[in-house]
Amino acid sequence: MRRTDLRSPRPRNTDVLSPTELSRTLLRYCEPDFRRALFEVGITLVPLALLWVLMWLSLSAGYWLTLLLAIPAGGLLVRLFIIQHDCGHGAFFRQRAANTWMGRVLGVLTLTPFDYWKRNHAIHHATSSNLDRRGIGDIDLLTVQEYREKSRVGRLLYRVYRSAPVMFVVGPAWMFLLQHRLPFHQMRDGWRPWISTIGTNAVIALAIAGMIRLVGLGPFVMVHLPIMLIAASIGVWLFFVQHQFETVFWARSGEWSHHDAALAGSSYYDLPGLLRWFSGNIGIHHIHHLNSRIPYYRLPKVLRDHPELKKVGRLTLWDSLKLARLSLWCEQRKRLVSFKAAKAL
């Protein structure tokens, strides 16, 4: 059986199945389980609703307790987004309509217009790690040369954009609270993106109005805003780690392939069990990019059946904490570098 060596942040002594063999092998994990899907929604949505009520009740005891409860609530909202994400790939249910309507309903809770987001995310999967097709569904990344060619103001703005406070606090809040309210990148693509965003906005407005009528404006904001901000920051951090590690694969169109972009351009974020559950196994991102039709609850089985894939692109929680400084792609060294390292090149 033919094998091929793949790039990894770890020593490259791991052999895995060839692209054709691996793609064929992964097909067996793609079948959705309807009962399991409903169970996954239930064990995420019900605890989230209960925590929301507990947070509301805790306001009289002290806001510190409310904020403490917002942490697991934010994690559950991230998990709902992963379910919505699987619906966008047609991986959660067999029926297309079931995926679409579940995604649209969850989009109200995650403040993410489903049909609009689905198209942008499909572009991300089709162009991930392609230097010639950056700009939609990814985090802005400049090469060292592009950064040097920018004006002083342009370099300053890029540094601000790539700073941790903007990337993981301000940016996520902007994206989920404001940017998703209009179909950016699709504003001239007909009426469908507008229906998706404006329709979702309308339902969100009705839901918020109902909740404010029920609990009051102040309590609603004090409970729901921290949940959304925590979930947004976690979500952006996960996406960042999955595609922004030192030896990540990036290439020009002529050297780009889907297989390399998946296994070398996406990480395996090996999180502790509880964090893996809250994040819906999305850390097994290299497998997800190889075949996005695999439901998230089947991704761990892929690793159990093919342990050699655990060594490809593996990042631990500790490893990931060192990645925020990486901000530029060096085309000569074929790796991400920090602003400081770029000066020495």
Protein backbone atom coordinates (compact mmCIF):
# COMPACT_ATOMS: atom_id res chain seq x y z
CA MET A 1 0.00 0.00 0.00
CA ARG A 2 1.50 3.33 -1.09
CA ARG A 3 2.17 5.95 1.57
CA THR A 4 3.06 9.62 1.45
CA ASP A 5 4.79 11.98 3.90
CA LEU A 6 2.91 15.08 4.97
CA ARG A 7 3.85 18.38 6.57
CA SER A 8 3.25 18.73 10.29
CA PRO A 9 4.30 21.03 13.15
CA ARG A 10 5.82 17.88 14.63
CA PRO A 11 8.70 15.84 13.18
CA ARG A 12 7.67 14.51 9.79
CA ASN A 13 8.04 10.82 10.47
CA THR A 14 4.34 10.04 10.08
CA ASP A 15 3.04 8.05 7.12
CA VAL A 16 -0.62 8.20 6.22
CA LEU A 17 -2.77 6.84 3.44
CA SER A 18 -2.33 8.34 0.00
CA PRO A 19 -4.82 11.08 -0.97
CA THR A 20 -7.02 8.74 -3.00
CA GLU A 21 -7.00 5.99 -0.37
CA LEU A 22 -7.69 8.39 2.48
CA SER A 23 -10.58 10.10 0.67
CA ARG A 24 -12.13 6.72 -0.07
CA THR A 25 -11.65 5.54 3.51
CA LEU A 26 -13.33 8.61 5.03
CA LEU A 27 -16.55 8.05 3.09
CA ARG A 28 -17.59 5.36 5.57
CA TYR A 29 -17.89 7.97 8.36
CA CYS A 30 -20.23 10.34 6.50
CA GLU A 31 -23.61 8.81 7.28
CA PRO A 32 -25.65 11.05 9.66
CA ASP A 33 -27.60 9.45 12.51
CA PHE A 34 -30.99 11.17 12.96
CA ARG A 35 -31.46 10.13 16.59
CA ARG A 36 -27.92 11.10 17.47
CA ALA A 37 -28.43 14.46 15.77
CA LEU A 38 -31.53 15.22 17.83
CA PHE A 39 -29.73 14.07 20.98
CA GLU A 40 -26.81 16.42 20.22
CA VAL A 41 -29.20 19.36 19.78
CA GLY A 42 -31.02 18.49 23.00
CA ILE A 43 -27.96 18.12 25.22
CA THR A 44 -26.73 21.49 23.97
CA LEU A 45 -29.87 23.61 23.74
CA VAL A 46 -31.55 22.51 26.99
CA PRO A 47 -28.51 23.17 29.24
CA LEU A 48 -28.02 26.52 27.49
CA ALA A 49 -31.62 27.52 28.23
CA LEU A 50 -31.28 26.41 31.86
CA LEU A 51 -28.03 28.35 32.29
CA TRP A 52 -29.66 31.44 30.78
CA VAL A 53 -32.42 31.25 33.39
CA LEU A 54 -29.89 30.66 36.18
CA MET A 55 -27.91 33.69 35.04
CA TRP A 56 -31.06 35.79 35.12
CA LEU A 57 -31.90 34.57 38.62
CA SER A 58 -28.31 35.15 39.75
CA LEU A 59 -28.47 38.89 39.00
CA SER A 60 -29.90 39.49 42.46
CA ALA A 61 -27.10 37.48 44.10
CA GLY A 62 -24.19 39.27 42.44
CA TYR A 63 -23.07 39.94 38.88
CA TRP A 64 -19.84 38.04 39.44
CA LEU A 65 -21.90 34.84 39.60
CA THR A 66 -23.76 35.79 36.43
CA LEU A 67 -20.48 36.27 34.58
CA LEU A 68 -19.13 33.00 35.95
CA LEU A 69 -22.16 31.14 34.58
CA ALA A 70 -21.68 32.94 31.25
CA ILE A 71 -18.52 30.93 30.60
CA PRO A 72 -20.18 27.49 30.21
CA ALA A 73 -23.16 29.18 28.54
CA GLY A 74 -20.80 30.69 25.97
CA GLY A 75 -19.25 27.26 25.45
CA LEU A 76 -22.69 25.78 24.76
CA LEU A 77 -23.41 28.55 22.26
CA VAL A 78 -20.16 27.65 20.49
CA ARG A 79 -21.42 24.05 20.39
CA LEU A 80 -24.68 25.20 18.81
CA PHE A 81 -22.63 27.02 16.19
CA ILE A 82 -20.79 23.77 15.42
CA ILE A 83 -24.15 22.08 14.86
CA GLN A 84 -25.13 24.94 12.55
CA HIS A 85 -21.75 24.53 10.87
CA ASP A 86 -22.41 20.82 10.22
CA CYS A 87 -25.83 21.73 8.82
CA GLY A 88 -24.06 24.08 6.41
CA HIS A 89 -22.01 21.16 5.12
CA GLY A 90 -25.08 18.93 4.83
CA ALA A 91 -23.53 16.66 7.45
CA PHE A 92 -26.00 16.82 10.34
CA PHE A 93 -29.11 15.28 8.72
CA ARG A 94 -29.59 13.22 5.58
CA GLN A 95 -32.26 15.55 4.24
CA ARG A 96 -31.15 18.85 2.76
CA ALA A 97 -34.26 20.65 4.01
CA ALA A 98 -33.67 19.45 7.58
CA ASN A 99 -30.09 20.77 7.48
CA THR A 100 -31.25 24.08 6.01
CA TRP A 101 -34.02 24.79 8.50
CA MET A 102 -32.06 23.62 11.52
CA GLY A 103 -29.22 25.87 10.37
CA ARG A 104 -31.57 28.83 9.93
CA VAL A 105 -33.13 28.39 13.38
CA LEU A 106 -29.73 28.08 15.05
CA GLY A 107 -28.56 31.09 13.06
CA VAL A 108 -30.97 33.22 15.06
CA LEU A 109 -29.34 32.06 18.31
CA THR A 110 -25.79 32.46 17.00
CA LEU A 111 -26.56 35.77 15.21
CA THR A 112 -25.26 34.17 12.00
CA PRO A 113 -27.44 34.24 8.84
CA PHE A 114 -27.27 30.62 7.74
CA ASP A 115 -27.56 30.79 3.94
CA TYR A 116 -25.22 33.77 3.68
CA TRP A 117 -22.65 32.21 6.03
CA LYS A 118 -22.91 28.82 4.28
CA ARG A 119 -21.76 30.29 0.96
CA ASN A 120 -18.86 32.20 2.53
CA HIS A 121 -17.78 29.09 4.41
CA ALA A 122 -17.91 27.00 1.24
CA ILE A 123 -15.50 29.50 -0.32
CA HIS A 124 -13.23 29.09 2.71
CA HIS A 125 -13.09 25.32 2.18
CA ALA A 126 -12.40 25.76 -1.53
CA THR A 127 -9.63 28.33 -1.07
CA SER A 128 -8.08 27.58 2.33
CA SER A 129 -4.26 27.98 2.26
CA ASN A 130 -4.32 29.41 -1.28
CA LEU A 131 -2.28 32.63 -1.33
CA ASP A 132 -3.93 33.75 -4.55
CA ARG A 133 -7.49 33.39 -3.22
CA ARG A 134 -7.40 35.04 0.20
CA GLY A 135 -10.11 37.35 1.51
CA ILE A 136 -13.37 35.46 2.03
CA GLY A 137 -14.08 33.28 5.03
CA ASP A 138 -10.57 33.53 6.46
CA ILE A 139 -8.42 35.70 8.71
CA ASP A 140 -6.55 38.42 6.81
CA LEU A 141 -2.93 37.40 6.31
CA LEU A 142 -0.12 39.26 4.54
CA THR A 143 3.13 37.87 3.25
CA VAL A 144 6.34 39.45 4.52
CA GLN A 145 6.84 41.12 1.14
CA GLU A 146 3.28 42.48 1.02
CA TYR A 147 3.70 43.89 4.52
CA ARG A 148 6.95 45.63 3.57
CA GLU A 149 5.34 47.18 0.50
CA LYS A 150 2.56 48.80 2.54
CA SER A 151 2.74 52.40 3.72
CA ARG A 152 3.60 53.17 7.32
CA VAL A 153 -0.11 53.65 8.06
CA GLY A 154 -0.96 50.41 6.29
CA ARG A 155 1.61 48.49 8.35
CA LEU A 156 0.28 50.09 11.55
CA LEU A 157 -3.31 49.14 10.70
CA TYR A 158 -2.28 45.56 9.98
CA ARG A 159 -0.41 45.35 13.29
CA VAL A 160 -3.49 46.63 15.10
CA TYR A 161 -5.68 44.12 13.26
CA ARG A 162 -3.37 41.22 14.20
CA SER A 163 -3.06 42.30 17.85
CA ALA A 164 -4.64 39.99 20.41
CA PRO A 165 -7.20 42.54 21.76
CA VAL A 166 -8.53 43.26 18.27
CA MET A 167 -8.26 39.72 16.92
CA PHE A 168 -9.89 37.94 19.86
CA VAL A 169 -12.05 40.57 21.59
CA VAL A 170 -13.02 43.52 19.39
CA GLY A 171 -13.03 41.56 16.12
CA PRO A 172 -15.35 38.75 17.25
CA ALA A 173 -17.80 41.26 18.75
CA TRP A 174 -17.78 43.27 15.51
CA MET A 175 -18.30 40.15 13.39
CA PHE A 176 -21.23 38.59 15.23
CA LEU A 177 -23.00 41.71 16.46
CA LEU A 178 -22.56 43.99 13.43
CA GLN A 179 -20.86 42.46 10.37
CA HIS A 180 -23.35 39.61 10.06
CA ARG A 181 -26.20 42.10 9.81
CA LEU A 182 -25.38 42.78 6.14
CA PRO A 183 -24.26 40.34 3.39
CA PHE A 184 -20.68 41.54 3.01
CA HIS A 185 -18.83 39.87 0.08
CA GLN A 186 -22.25 38.98 -1.44
CA MET A 187 -23.97 42.36 -1.69
CA ARG A 188 -24.15 42.15 -5.51
CA ASP A 189 -25.00 38.44 -5.69
CA GLY A 190 -28.76 38.82 -6.00
CA TRP A 191 -31.57 38.67 -3.48
CA ARG A 192 -30.69 35.43 -1.67
CA PRO A 193 -27.91 36.83 0.58
CA TRP A 194 -30.16 39.77 1.45
CA ILE A 195 -33.08 37.49 2.32
CA SER A 196 -30.78 35.41 4.50
CA THR A 197 -29.34 38.33 6.45
CA ILE A 198 -32.39 40.60 6.66
CA GLY A 199 -34.71 37.68 7.39
CA THR A 200 -32.44 36.47 10.18
CA ASN A 201 -32.15 40.02 11.51
CA ALA A 202 -35.94 40.32 11.63
CA VAL A 203 -36.37 37.10 13.60
CA ILE A 204 -33.52 38.09 15.93
CA ALA A 205 -35.21 41.45 16.55
CA LEU A 206 -38.52 39.73 17.36
CA ALA A 207 -36.79 37.28 19.70
CA ILE A 208 -34.94 40.09 21.48
CA ALA A 209 -38.10 42.15 21.79
CA GLY A 210 -39.87 39.16 23.31
CA MET A 211 -37.10 38.52 25.81
CA ILE A 212 -36.92 42.20 26.79
CA ARG A 213 -40.68 42.22 27.34
CA LEU A 214 -40.30 39.12 29.51
CA VAL A 215 -37.26 40.03 31.68
CA GLY A 216 -36.56 43.70 30.95
CA LEU A 217 -33.91 45.47 28.86
CA GLY A 218 -31.23 45.71 31.55
CA PRO A 219 -31.39 42.06 32.69
CA PHE A 220 -31.49 40.83 29.08
CA VAL A 221 -28.34 42.75 28.15
CA MET A 222 -26.55 41.76 31.36
CA VAL A 223 -27.28 38.08 30.74
CA HIS A 224 -27.09 37.63 26.99
CA LEU A 225 -24.33 40.04 25.98
CA PRO A 226 -21.54 38.27 27.94
CA ILE A 227 -22.70 34.90 26.57
CA MET A 228 -22.44 36.21 23.01
CA LEU A 229 -19.09 37.93 23.55
CA ILE A 230 -17.54 34.87 25.18
CA ALA A 231 -18.84 32.56 22.46
CA ALA A 232 -17.66 34.90 19.70
CA SER A 233 -14.15 35.14 21.13
CA ILE A 234 -13.90 31.37 21.61
CA GLY A 235 -15.13 30.77 18.07
CA VAL A 236 -12.61 33.13 16.48
CA TRP A 237 -9.80 31.68 18.62
CA LEU A 238 -10.66 28.16 17.45
CA PHE A 239 -10.72 29.26 13.82
CA PHE A 240 -7.41 31.09 14.28
CA VAL A 241 -5.64 28.06 15.78
CA GLN A 242 -6.96 25.77 13.07
CA HIS A 243 -5.22 27.70 10.27
CA GLN A 244 -2.56 29.93 11.85
CA PHE A 245 0.25 27.73 13.20
CA GLU A 246 3.94 28.07 12.40
CA THR A 247 4.39 25.34 9.77
CA VAL A 248 0.94 25.71 8.24
CA PHE A 249 0.75 25.12 4.48
CA TRP A 250 0.21 28.08 2.16
CA ALA A 251 0.89 28.04 -1.57
CA ARG A 252 0.18 29.80 -4.82
CA SER A 253 -2.53 28.33 -7.03
CA GLY A 254 -0.13 26.32 -9.17
CA GLU A 255 1.24 24.46 -6.13
CA TRP A 256 -2.01 24.24 -4.14
CA SER A 257 -4.04 21.05 -3.65
CA HIS A 258 -7.08 20.26 -1.53
CA HIS A 259 -5.27 17.38 0.17
CA ASP A 260 -2.27 19.48 1.21
CA ALA A 261 -4.53 22.35 2.30
CA ALA A 262 -6.49 19.96 4.53
CA LEU A 263 -3.74 17.93 6.15
CA ALA A 264 -0.95 20.54 6.17
CA GLY A 265 -3.06 23.71 6.15
CA SER A 266 -5.37 22.71 9.01
CA SER A 267 -4.33 21.70 12.51
CA TYR A 268 -5.36 18.90 14.84
CA TYR A 269 -6.10 20.91 17.98
CA ASP A 270 -5.75 18.22 20.64
CA LEU A 271 -7.87 19.71 23.42
CA PRO A 272 -8.75 18.21 26.82
CA GLY A 273 -11.96 16.14 26.79
CA LEU A 274 -14.31 18.78 28.23
CA LEU A 275 -13.11 21.47 25.83
CA ARG A 276 -13.36 19.00 22.97
CA TRP A 277 -17.03 18.44 23.88
CA PHE A 278 -17.87 22.15 24.09
CA SER A 279 -16.11 22.81 20.77
CA GLY A 280 -17.87 19.95 19.00
CA ASN A 281 -14.61 18.22 18.01
CA ILE A 282 -13.89 21.06 15.58
CA GLY A 283 -10.26 20.83 16.68
CA ILE A 284 -10.00 17.69 14.53
CA HIS A 285 -9.92 20.18 11.74
CA HIS A 286 -7.57 18.46 9.32
CA ILE A 287 -10.03 15.57 8.99
CA HIS A 288 -12.95 17.97 8.68
CA HIS A 289 -11.24 19.71 5.75
CA LEU A 290 -10.51 16.39 4.09
CA ASN A 291 -14.21 15.50 4.20
CA SER A 292 -16.64 18.10 5.51
CA ARG A 293 -19.58 15.68 5.27
CA ILE A 294 -18.44 13.77 8.36
CA PRO A 295 -20.67 14.70 11.33
CA TYR A 296 -18.64 16.22 14.16
CA TYR A 297 -19.54 13.39 16.54
CA ARG A 298 -17.86 10.87 14.19
CA LEU A 299 -14.54 12.72 13.91
CA PRO A 300 -13.01 11.09 17.04
CA LYS A 301 -13.74 7.67 15.56
CA VAL A 302 -11.68 8.58 12.49
CA LEU A 303 -8.71 9.24 14.77
CA ARG A 304 -9.29 6.03 16.73
CA ASP A 305 -9.39 3.99 13.53
CA HIS A 306 -6.42 5.84 11.99
CA PRO A 307 -4.10 6.80 14.88
CA GLU A 308 -1.40 7.90 12.43
CA LEU A 309 -3.54 10.99 11.75
CA LYS A 310 -3.16 12.09 15.37
CA LYS A 311 0.43 13.08 14.62
CA VAL A 312 -0.40 15.31 11.66
CA GLY A 313 -0.62 19.01 12.50
CA ARG A 314 -1.07 18.29 16.21
CA LEU A 315 -1.26 21.26 18.56
CA THR A 316 -1.86 21.08 22.29
CA LEU A 317 -3.59 23.78 24.30
CA TRP A 318 -0.17 24.94 25.53
CA ASP A 319 1.20 25.01 21.96
CA SER A 320 -1.69 27.17 20.82
CA LEU A 321 -1.04 29.90 23.38
CA LYS A 322 2.19 30.75 21.55
CA LEU A 323 0.56 31.28 18.15
CA ALA A 324 -0.92 34.77 18.53
CA ARG A 325 2.46 36.36 17.75
CA LEU A 326 2.59 34.75 14.27
CA SER A 327 1.31 37.35 11.83
CA LEU A 328 3.10 37.12 8.47
CA TRP A 329 3.69 34.40 5.90
CA CYS A 330 7.28 34.03 4.73
CA GLU A 331 7.24 32.63 1.20
CA GLN A 332 10.95 31.85 1.35
CA ARG A 333 10.87 29.85 4.58
CA LYS A 334 7.35 28.48 3.98
CA ARG A 335 6.15 29.27 7.49
CA LEU A 336 4.37 31.87 9.57
CA VAL A 337 6.62 34.33 11.38
CA SER A 338 6.25 37.13 13.90
CA PHE A 339 6.76 40.80 13.10
CA LYS A 340 10.03 40.62 15.03
CA ALA A 341 11.29 37.60 13.07
CA ALA A 342 10.30 39.26 9.78
CA LYS A 343 12.73 42.13 10.45
CA ALA A 344 15.65 39.68 10.43
CA LEU A 345 14.73 38.16 7.08
